[in-house]
Structures are given as C-alpha cells and as structure tokens.
Amino acid sequence: AFDERLRRVDQALHAAQKDPSERA
C-alpha cells in the first residue's frame, strides 16, 4: 500500500507541475 501511495503522489506531483489545473 505504501509503495502504491508513493507512486500515485509522485505521478500527481509531476502532473501538477505540468498542468496547474484544479483537477491536477
């Protein structure tokens, strides 16, 4: 669970850096 959570945070952080939308 921890590995999966870390992976999702990493993906979301990169997405938020590329796209500053409300969804990101």
PDB file of all heavy atoms in Angstrom:
ATOM      1  N   ALA A   1       0.838  -1.203   0.000  1.00  0.00           N
ATOM      2  CA  ALA A   1       0.000   0.000   0.000  1.00  0.00           C
ATOM      3  C   ALA A   1       0.872   1.252   0.000  1.00  0.00           C
ATOM      4  O   ALA A   1       0.587   2.224  -0.714  1.00  0.00           O
ATOM      5  CB  ALA A   1      -0.924   0.004   1.221  1.00  0.00           C
ATOM      6  N   PHE A   2       1.928   1.211   0.765  1.00  0.00           N
ATOM      7  CA  PHE A   2       2.820   2.355   0.846  1.00  0.00           C
ATOM      8  C   PHE A   2       3.485   2.620  -0.500  1.00  0.00           C
ATOM      9  O   PHE A   2       3.541   3.766  -0.956  1.00  0.00           O
ATOM     10  CB  PHE A   2       3.868   2.109   1.932  1.00  0.00           C
ATOM     11  CG  PHE A   2       4.662   3.320   2.247  1.00  0.00           C
ATOM     12  CD1 PHE A   2       4.108   4.368   2.958  1.00  0.00           C
ATOM     13  CD2 PHE A   2       5.959   3.432   1.809  1.00  0.00           C
ATOM     14  CE1 PHE A   2       4.832   5.502   3.237  1.00  0.00           C
ATOM     15  CE2 PHE A   2       6.689   4.561   2.084  1.00  0.00           C
ATOM     16  CZ  PHE A   2       6.130   5.598   2.799  1.00  0.00           C
ATOM     17  N   ASP A   3       3.974   1.590  -1.152  1.00  0.00           N
ATOM     18  CA  ASP A   3       4.599   1.754  -2.469  1.00  0.00           C
ATOM     19  C   ASP A   3       3.605   2.329  -3.481  1.00  0.00           C
ATOM     20  O   ASP A   3       3.953   3.205  -4.272  1.00  0.00           O
ATOM     21  CB  ASP A   3       5.146   0.423  -2.978  1.00  0.00           C
ATOM     22  CG  ASP A   3       6.401  -0.011  -2.238  1.00  0.00           C
ATOM     23  OD1 ASP A   3       7.032   0.829  -1.566  1.00  0.00           O
ATOM     24  OD2 ASP A   3       6.747  -1.206  -2.334  1.00  0.00           O
ATOM     25  N   GLU A   4       2.370   1.848  -3.443  1.00  0.00           N
ATOM     26  CA  GLU A   4       1.342   2.353  -4.356  1.00  0.00           C
ATOM     27  C   GLU A   4       1.028   3.818  -4.068  1.00  0.00           C
ATOM     28  O   GLU A   4       0.893   4.633  -4.982  1.00  0.00           O
ATOM     29  CB  GLU A   4       0.076   1.502  -4.239  1.00  0.00           C
ATOM     30  CG  GLU A   4      -1.085   1.998  -5.070  1.00  0.00           C
ATOM     31  CD  GLU A   4      -0.847   1.956  -6.568  1.00  0.00           C
ATOM     32  OE1 GLU A   4       0.076   1.256  -7.026  1.00  0.00           O
ATOM     33  OE2 GLU A   4      -1.586   2.646  -7.294  1.00  0.00           O
ATOM     34  N   ARG A   5       0.920   4.182  -2.803  1.00  0.00           N
ATOM     35  CA  ARG A   5       0.637   5.572  -2.437  1.00  0.00           C
ATOM     36  C   ARG A   5       1.767   6.500  -2.885  1.00  0.00           C
ATOM     37  O   ARG A   5       1.526   7.593  -3.392  1.00  0.00           O
ATOM     38  CB  ARG A   5       0.426   5.729  -0.927  1.00  0.00           C
ATOM     39  CG  ARG A   5      -0.708   4.924  -0.354  1.00  0.00           C
ATOM     40  CD  ARG A   5      -2.053   5.415  -0.841  1.00  0.00           C
ATOM     41  NE  ARG A   5      -3.116   4.732  -0.158  1.00  0.00           N
ATOM     42  CZ  ARG A   5      -3.955   3.885  -0.749  1.00  0.00           C
ATOM     43  NH1 ARG A   5      -3.855   3.616  -2.013  1.00  0.00           N
ATOM     44  NH2 ARG A   5      -4.917   3.312  -0.066  1.00  0.00           N
ATOM     45  N   LEU A   6       3.000   6.062  -2.690  1.00  0.00           N
ATOM     46  CA  LEU A   6       4.142   6.868  -3.112  1.00  0.00           C
ATOM     47  C   LEU A   6       4.138   7.064  -4.628  1.00  0.00           C
ATOM     48  O   LEU A   6       4.402   8.165  -5.121  1.00  0.00           O
ATOM     49  CB  LEU A   6       5.458   6.208  -2.692  1.00  0.00           C
ATOM     50  CG  LEU A   6       5.841   6.353  -1.238  1.00  0.00           C
ATOM     51  CD1 LEU A   6       7.057   5.502  -0.936  1.00  0.00           C
ATOM     52  CD2 LEU A   6       6.116   7.809  -0.900  1.00  0.00           C
ATOM     53  N   ARG A   7       3.829   6.020  -5.355  1.00  0.00           N
ATOM     54  CA  ARG A   7       3.787   6.101  -6.812  1.00  0.00           C
ATOM     55  C   ARG A   7       2.732   7.114  -7.256  1.00  0.00           C
ATOM     56  O   ARG A   7       2.979   7.949  -8.122  1.00  0.00           O
ATOM     57  CB  ARG A   7       3.509   4.724  -7.419  1.00  0.00           C
ATOM     58  CG  ARG A   7       3.565   4.684  -8.940  1.00  0.00           C
ATOM     59  CD  ARG A   7       3.192   3.317  -9.483  1.00  0.00           C
ATOM     60  NE  ARG A   7       1.808   2.948  -9.211  1.00  0.00           N
ATOM     61  CZ  ARG A   7       0.747   3.474  -9.854  1.00  0.00           C
ATOM     62  NH1 ARG A   7       0.911   4.370 -10.777  1.00  0.00           N
ATOM     63  NH2 ARG A   7      -0.475   3.077  -9.547  1.00  0.00           N
ATOM     64  N   ARG A   8       1.570   7.060  -6.630  1.00  0.00           N
ATOM     65  CA  ARG A   8       0.490   7.979  -7.016  1.00  0.00           C
ATOM     66  C   ARG A   8       0.807   9.430  -6.664  1.00  0.00           C
ATOM     67  O   ARG A   8       0.481  10.338  -7.415  1.00  0.00           O
ATOM     68  CB  ARG A   8      -0.819   7.550  -6.373  1.00  0.00           C
ATOM     69  CG  ARG A   8      -1.364   6.305  -7.040  1.00  0.00           C
ATOM     70  CD  ARG A   8      -2.717   5.959  -6.504  1.00  0.00           C
ATOM     71  NE  ARG A   8      -3.178   4.728  -7.126  1.00  0.00           N
ATOM     72  CZ  ARG A   8      -4.444   4.440  -7.297  1.00  0.00           C
ATOM     73  NH1 ARG A   8      -5.376   5.262  -6.870  1.00  0.00           N
ATOM     74  NH2 ARG A   8      -4.788   3.309  -7.867  1.00  0.00           N
ATOM     75  N   VAL A   9       1.428   9.651  -5.518  1.00  0.00           N
ATOM     76  CA  VAL A   9       1.828  11.016  -5.152  1.00  0.00           C
ATOM     77  C   VAL A   9       2.849  11.537  -6.149  1.00  0.00           C
ATOM     78  O   VAL A   9       2.763  12.680  -6.607  1.00  0.00           O
ATOM     79  CB  VAL A   9       2.383  11.078  -3.708  1.00  0.00           C
ATOM     80  CG1 VAL A   9       3.107  12.390  -3.451  1.00  0.00           C
ATOM     81  CG2 VAL A   9       1.259  10.894  -2.709  1.00  0.00           C
ATOM     82  N   ASP A  10       3.804  10.706  -6.508  1.00  0.00           N
ATOM     83  CA  ASP A  10       4.827  11.113  -7.468  1.00  0.00           C
ATOM     84  C   ASP A  10       4.195  11.478  -8.806  1.00  0.00           C
ATOM     85  O   ASP A  10       4.510  12.518  -9.394  1.00  0.00           O
ATOM     86  CB  ASP A  10       5.851   9.989  -7.637  1.00  0.00           C
ATOM     87  CG  ASP A  10       7.036  10.431  -8.464  1.00  0.00           C
ATOM     88  OD1 ASP A  10       7.650  11.467  -8.119  1.00  0.00           O
ATOM     89  OD2 ASP A  10       7.350   9.745  -9.462  1.00  0.00           O
ATOM     90  N   GLN A  11       3.285  10.655  -9.298  1.00  0.00           N
ATOM     91  CA  GLN A  11       2.593  10.944 -10.557  1.00  0.00           C
ATOM     92  C   GLN A  11       1.784  12.239 -10.449  1.00  0.00           C
ATOM     93  O   GLN A  11       1.804  13.068 -11.361  1.00  0.00           O
ATOM     94  CB  GLN A  11       1.654   9.799 -10.939  1.00  0.00           C
ATOM     95  CG  GLN A  11       2.355   8.566 -11.435  1.00  0.00           C
ATOM     96  CD  GLN A  11       1.364   7.435 -11.719  1.00  0.00           C
ATOM     97  OE1 GLN A  11       0.234   7.441 -11.236  1.00  0.00           O
ATOM     98  NE2 GLN A  11       1.804   6.465 -12.492  1.00  0.00           N
ATOM     99  N   ALA A  12       1.064  12.402  -9.359  1.00  0.00           N
ATOM    100  CA  ALA A  12       0.232  13.587  -9.185  1.00  0.00           C
ATOM    101  C   ALA A  12       1.081  14.848  -9.059  1.00  0.00           C
ATOM    102  O   ALA A  12       0.709  15.911  -9.573  1.00  0.00           O
ATOM    103  CB  ALA A  12      -0.668  13.422  -7.958  1.00  0.00           C
ATOM    104  N   LEU A  13       2.230  14.741  -8.405  1.00  0.00           N
ATOM    105  CA  LEU A  13       3.117  15.889  -8.261  1.00  0.00           C
ATOM    106  C   LEU A  13       3.651  16.322  -9.622  1.00  0.00           C
ATOM    107  O   LEU A  13       3.656  17.505  -9.955  1.00  0.00           O
ATOM    108  CB  LEU A  13       4.264  15.549  -7.309  1.00  0.00           C
ATOM    109  CG  LEU A  13       5.169  16.679  -6.867  1.00  0.00           C
ATOM    110  CD1 LEU A  13       4.371  17.806  -6.241  1.00  0.00           C
ATOM    111  CD2 LEU A  13       6.214  16.167  -5.908  1.00  0.00           C
ATOM    112  N   HIS A  14       4.064  15.351 -10.438  1.00  0.00           N
ATOM    113  CA  HIS A  14       4.543  15.683 -11.777  1.00  0.00           C
ATOM    114  C   HIS A  14       3.423  16.280 -12.632  1.00  0.00           C
ATOM    115  O   HIS A  14       3.637  17.225 -13.380  1.00  0.00           O
ATOM    116  CB  HIS A  14       5.142  14.447 -12.455  1.00  0.00           C
ATOM    117  CG  HIS A  14       6.487  14.108 -11.930  1.00  0.00           C
ATOM    118  ND1 HIS A  14       6.671  13.320 -10.821  1.00  0.00           N
ATOM    119  CD2 HIS A  14       7.723  14.475 -12.341  1.00  0.00           C
ATOM    120  CE1 HIS A  14       7.950  13.205 -10.582  1.00  0.00           C
ATOM    121  NE2 HIS A  14       8.618  13.899 -11.483  1.00  0.00           N
ATOM    122  N   ALA A  15       2.221  15.730 -12.532  1.00  0.00           N
ATOM    123  CA  ALA A  15       1.087  16.253 -13.297  1.00  0.00           C
ATOM    124  C   ALA A  15       0.759  17.684 -12.872  1.00  0.00           C
ATOM    125  O   ALA A  15       0.462  18.535 -13.719  1.00  0.00           O
ATOM    126  CB  ALA A  15      -0.132  15.354 -13.116  1.00  0.00           C
ATOM    127  N   ALA A  16       0.828  17.964 -11.566  1.00  0.00           N
ATOM    128  CA  ALA A  16       0.534  19.309 -11.072  1.00  0.00           C
ATOM    129  C   ALA A  16       1.595  20.311 -11.521  1.00  0.00           C
ATOM    130  O   ALA A  16       1.291  21.482 -11.745  1.00  0.00           O
ATOM    131  CB  ALA A  16       0.420  19.303  -9.551  1.00  0.00           C
ATOM    132  N   GLN A  17       2.827  19.855 -11.664  1.00  0.00           N
ATOM    133  CA  GLN A  17       3.884  20.745 -12.135  1.00  0.00           C
ATOM    134  C   GLN A  17       3.689  21.086 -13.607  1.00  0.00           C
ATOM    135  O   GLN A  17       3.948  22.207 -14.025  1.00  0.00           O
ATOM    136  CB  GLN A  17       5.249  20.111 -11.922  1.00  0.00           C
ATOM    137  CG  GLN A  17       5.650  20.065 -10.460  1.00  0.00           C
ATOM    138  CD  GLN A  17       6.909  19.275 -10.217  1.00  0.00           C
ATOM    139  OE1 GLN A  17       7.258  18.375 -10.982  1.00  0.00           O
ATOM    140  NE2 GLN A  17       7.603  19.590  -9.143  1.00  0.00           N
ATOM    141  N   LYS A  18       3.204  20.123 -14.393  1.00  0.00           N
ATOM    142  CA  LYS A  18       2.996  20.359 -15.822  1.00  0.00           C
ATOM    143  C   LYS A  18       1.712  21.133 -16.092  1.00  0.00           C
ATOM    144  O   LYS A  18       1.647  21.957 -16.995  1.00  0.00           O
ATOM    145  CB  LYS A  18       2.942  19.030 -16.571  1.00  0.00           C
ATOM    146  CG  LYS A  18       4.271  18.316 -16.640  1.00  0.00           C
ATOM    147  CD  LYS A  18       4.129  17.012 -17.383  1.00  0.00           C
ATOM    148  CE  LYS A  18       5.427  16.238 -17.378  1.00  0.00           C
ATOM    149  NZ  LYS A  18       5.291  14.931 -17.998  1.00  0.00           N
ATOM    150  N   ASP A  19       0.668  20.836 -15.314  1.00  0.00           N
ATOM    151  CA  ASP A  19      -0.656  21.406 -15.565  1.00  0.00           C
ATOM    152  C   ASP A  19      -1.231  21.936 -14.250  1.00  0.00           C
ATOM    153  O   ASP A  19      -1.604  21.148 -13.386  1.00  0.00           O
ATOM    154  CB  ASP A  19      -1.567  20.313 -16.134  1.00  0.00           C
ATOM    155  CG  ASP A  19      -3.005  20.774 -16.297  1.00  0.00           C
ATOM    156  OD1 ASP A  19      -3.242  21.983 -16.395  1.00  0.00           O
ATOM    157  OD2 ASP A  19      -3.889  19.904 -16.317  1.00  0.00           O
ATOM    158  N   PRO A  20      -1.336  23.253 -14.117  1.00  0.00           N
ATOM    159  CA  PRO A  20      -1.813  23.817 -12.849  1.00  0.00           C
ATOM    160  C   PRO A  20      -3.331  23.834 -12.686  1.00  0.00           C
ATOM    161  O   PRO A  20      -3.862  24.659 -11.978  1.00  0.00           O
ATOM    162  CB  PRO A  20      -1.257  25.236 -12.902  1.00  0.00           C
ATOM    163  CG  PRO A  20      -1.228  25.565 -14.349  1.00  0.00           C
ATOM    164  CD  PRO A  20      -0.892  24.273 -15.048  1.00  0.00           C
ATOM    165  N   SER A  21      -4.015  22.912 -13.310  1.00  0.00           N
ATOM    166  CA  SER A  21      -5.484  22.928 -13.274  1.00  0.00           C
ATOM    167  C   SER A  21      -6.021  22.509 -11.908  1.00  0.00           C
ATOM    168  O   SER A  21      -5.319  21.919 -11.082  1.00  0.00           O
ATOM    169  CB  SER A  21      -6.037  21.977 -14.338  1.00  0.00           C
ATOM    170  OG  SER A  21      -5.756  20.640 -13.979  1.00  0.00           O
ATOM    171  N   GLU A  22      -7.309  22.796 -11.718  1.00  0.00           N
ATOM    172  CA  GLU A  22      -7.979  22.385 -10.481  1.00  0.00           C
ATOM    173  C   GLU A  22      -7.985  20.867 -10.353  1.00  0.00           C
ATOM    174  O   GLU A  22      -7.835  20.327  -9.263  1.00  0.00           O
ATOM    175  CB  GLU A  22      -9.416  22.899 -10.464  1.00  0.00           C
ATOM    176  CG  GLU A  22      -9.524  24.375 -10.258  1.00  0.00           C
ATOM    177  CD  GLU A  22     -10.955  24.837 -10.207  1.00  0.00           C
ATOM    178  OE1 GLU A  22     -11.833  24.067  -9.765  1.00  0.00           O
ATOM    179  OE2 GLU A  22     -11.203  25.971 -10.614  1.00  0.00           O
ATOM    180  N   ARG A  23      -8.161  20.184 -11.474  1.00  0.00           N
ATOM    181  CA  ARG A  23      -8.200  18.718 -11.446  1.00  0.00           C
ATOM    182  C   ARG A  23      -6.862  18.139 -10.974  1.00  0.00           C
ATOM    183  O   ARG A  23      -6.824  17.230 -10.151  1.00  0.00           O
ATOM    184  CB  ARG A  23      -8.548  18.183 -12.824  1.00  0.00           C
ATOM    185  CG  ARG A  23      -8.672  16.689 -12.822  1.00  0.00           C
ATOM    186  CD  ARG A  23      -9.133  16.157 -14.146  1.00  0.00           C
ATOM    187  NE  ARG A  23      -9.247  14.706 -14.016  1.00  0.00           N
ATOM    188  CZ  ARG A  23      -9.264  13.895 -15.018  1.00  0.00           C
ATOM    189  NH1 ARG A  23      -9.222  14.356 -16.240  1.00  0.00           N
ATOM    190  NH2 ARG A  23      -9.347  12.610 -14.824  1.00  0.00           N
ATOM    191  N   ALA A  24      -5.763  18.689 -11.494  1.00  0.00           N
ATOM    192  CA  ALA A  24      -4.443  18.213 -11.080  1.00  0.00           C
ATOM    193  C   ALA A  24      -4.214  18.496  -9.598  1.00  0.00           C
ATOM    194  O   ALA A  24      -3.662  17.668  -8.873  1.00  0.00           O
ATOM    195  CB  ALA A  24      -3.356  18.868 -11.922  1.00  0.00           C
TER     196      ALA A  24
END
